[in-house]
Amino acid sequence: MKIAMIGGKTSTAGFGALGVKTFPVAVPSEAPDVWKTMDLAEFAVIFMTEPIYEVLADAVAEVRGETIPVVAVIPAVVGSQGIGMKEMKTLVERAIGVDVIFRE
């Protein structure tokens, strides 16, 4: 199984050097076209930046119940909008049934 990264060119550059299959997009609105071309069964983990996730949220929701791929939302190079942290909180709660990391 492989790891993928969808994001802007700057955000994906470092991932490619680590052997991650990158899917750079010039603007977030290109992400749905990229998502449709990906063979999701090929990837164990798909990282995507927050701006990309905002565009692909509905598509990601369709695969969230599956064991693989795991979709992880990370901040873009330009900074965090807090979406990645919120998504991580949801995943942790679903995995173990309680929020142990992000208690408020």
Protein backbone atom coordinates (compact mmCIF):
# COMPACT_ATOMS: atom_id res chain seq x y z
CA MET A 1 0.00 0.00 0.00
CA LYS A 2 1.14 3.49 -0.77
CA ILE A 3 0.78 6.95 0.71
CA ALA A 4 -0.56 9.90 -1.28
CA MET A 5 -0.57 13.66 -0.81
CA ILE A 6 -2.95 16.14 -2.47
CA GLY A 7 -2.18 19.82 -2.12
CA GLY A 8 -0.53 22.84 -3.62
CA LYS A 9 2.84 22.46 -5.30
CA THR A 10 4.70 23.89 -2.31
CA SER A 11 2.85 21.66 0.16
CA THR A 12 3.42 18.47 -1.83
CA ALA A 13 7.09 19.04 -2.72
CA GLY A 14 8.56 17.63 0.48
CA PHE A 15 6.29 14.61 0.46
CA GLY A 16 7.55 13.54 -2.97
CA ALA A 17 11.10 13.45 -1.64
CA LEU A 18 9.93 10.92 0.96
CA GLY A 19 8.52 8.55 -1.64
CA VAL A 20 4.91 9.66 -1.23
CA LYS A 21 2.89 9.79 -4.46
CA THR A 22 2.00 13.44 -4.86
CA PHE A 23 -0.95 15.03 -6.58
CA PRO A 24 -0.15 18.75 -6.78
CA VAL A 25 -2.92 21.11 -7.82
CA ALA A 26 -2.61 24.76 -8.83
CA VAL A 27 -5.89 25.70 -7.15
CA PRO A 28 -8.18 23.74 -4.79
CA SER A 29 -10.98 23.66 -7.37
CA GLU A 30 -8.84 21.18 -9.39
CA ALA A 31 -8.96 18.64 -6.53
CA PRO A 32 -12.23 16.88 -7.52
CA ASP A 33 -10.76 16.02 -10.92
CA VAL A 34 -7.63 14.63 -9.26
CA TRP A 35 -9.70 12.66 -6.70
CA LYS A 36 -11.72 11.03 -9.49
CA THR A 37 -8.56 9.79 -11.21
CA MET A 38 -7.04 8.27 -8.07
CA ASP A 39 -7.33 4.54 -7.43
CA LEU A 40 -8.20 4.87 -3.73
CA ALA A 41 -7.62 1.15 -3.12
CA GLU A 42 -3.96 1.75 -3.97
CA PHE A 43 -3.40 3.95 -0.91
CA ALA A 44 -3.34 3.20 2.80
CA VAL A 45 -3.13 6.89 3.73
CA ILE A 46 -4.05 10.00 1.80
CA PHE A 47 -2.86 13.31 3.19
CA MET A 48 -4.49 16.48 1.95
CA THR A 49 -4.18 20.11 2.87
CA GLU A 50 -7.04 21.96 4.53
CA PRO A 51 -7.95 23.98 1.40
CA ILE A 52 -8.18 20.74 -0.60
CA TYR A 53 -10.27 19.09 2.11
CA GLU A 54 -12.74 21.97 2.01
CA VAL A 55 -13.39 21.15 -1.64
CA LEU A 56 -13.37 17.35 -1.19
CA ALA A 57 -15.23 17.05 2.13
CA ASP A 58 -18.23 15.25 0.62
CA ALA A 59 -16.05 12.83 -1.36
CA VAL A 60 -13.93 12.11 1.71
CA ALA A 61 -17.08 11.47 3.77
CA GLU A 62 -17.99 8.68 1.33
CA VAL A 63 -14.79 6.76 2.17
CA ARG A 64 -14.54 7.65 5.87
CA GLY A 65 -16.33 4.48 6.95
CA GLU A 66 -13.81 2.32 5.11
CA THR A 67 -10.74 0.92 6.81
CA ILE A 68 -8.51 2.05 3.96
CA PRO A 69 -7.68 4.66 2.87
CA VAL A 70 -7.28 6.80 5.94
CA VAL A 71 -7.62 10.46 4.98
CA ALA A 72 -5.58 12.84 7.11
CA VAL A 73 -6.07 16.60 6.82
CA ILE A 74 -3.00 18.74 7.42
CA PRO A 75 -2.34 22.49 7.32
CA ALA A 76 -1.15 24.00 4.07
CA VAL A 77 2.15 25.85 3.88
CA VAL A 78 0.26 29.15 4.24
CA GLY A 79 -1.01 28.18 7.70
CA SER A 80 -3.70 26.29 9.58
CA GLN A 81 -7.41 26.96 9.51
CA GLY A 82 -7.99 24.46 12.34
CA ILE A 83 -9.76 21.99 10.04
CA GLY A 84 -7.04 19.34 10.36
CA MET A 85 -7.14 19.44 14.15
CA LYS A 86 -10.94 19.15 14.16
CA GLU A 87 -10.80 16.17 11.79
CA MET A 88 -8.10 14.48 13.90
CA LYS A 89 -10.26 14.94 17.01
CA THR A 90 -13.17 13.26 15.22
CA LEU A 91 -11.00 10.34 14.09
CA VAL A 92 -9.56 9.79 17.58
CA GLU A 93 -13.03 9.86 19.14
CA ARG A 94 -14.32 7.36 16.58
CA ALA A 95 -11.31 5.06 17.02
CA ILE A 96 -11.30 4.84 20.81
CA GLY A 97 -14.70 6.16 21.78
CA VAL A 98 -13.50 9.08 23.87
CA ASP A 99 -11.59 12.32 23.38
CA VAL A 100 -8.32 11.78 25.24
CA ILE A 101 -6.10 14.17 23.32
CA PHE A 102 -8.13 17.31 22.71
CA ARG A 103 -10.10 17.71 25.91
CA GLU A 104 -11.66 21.12 26.21
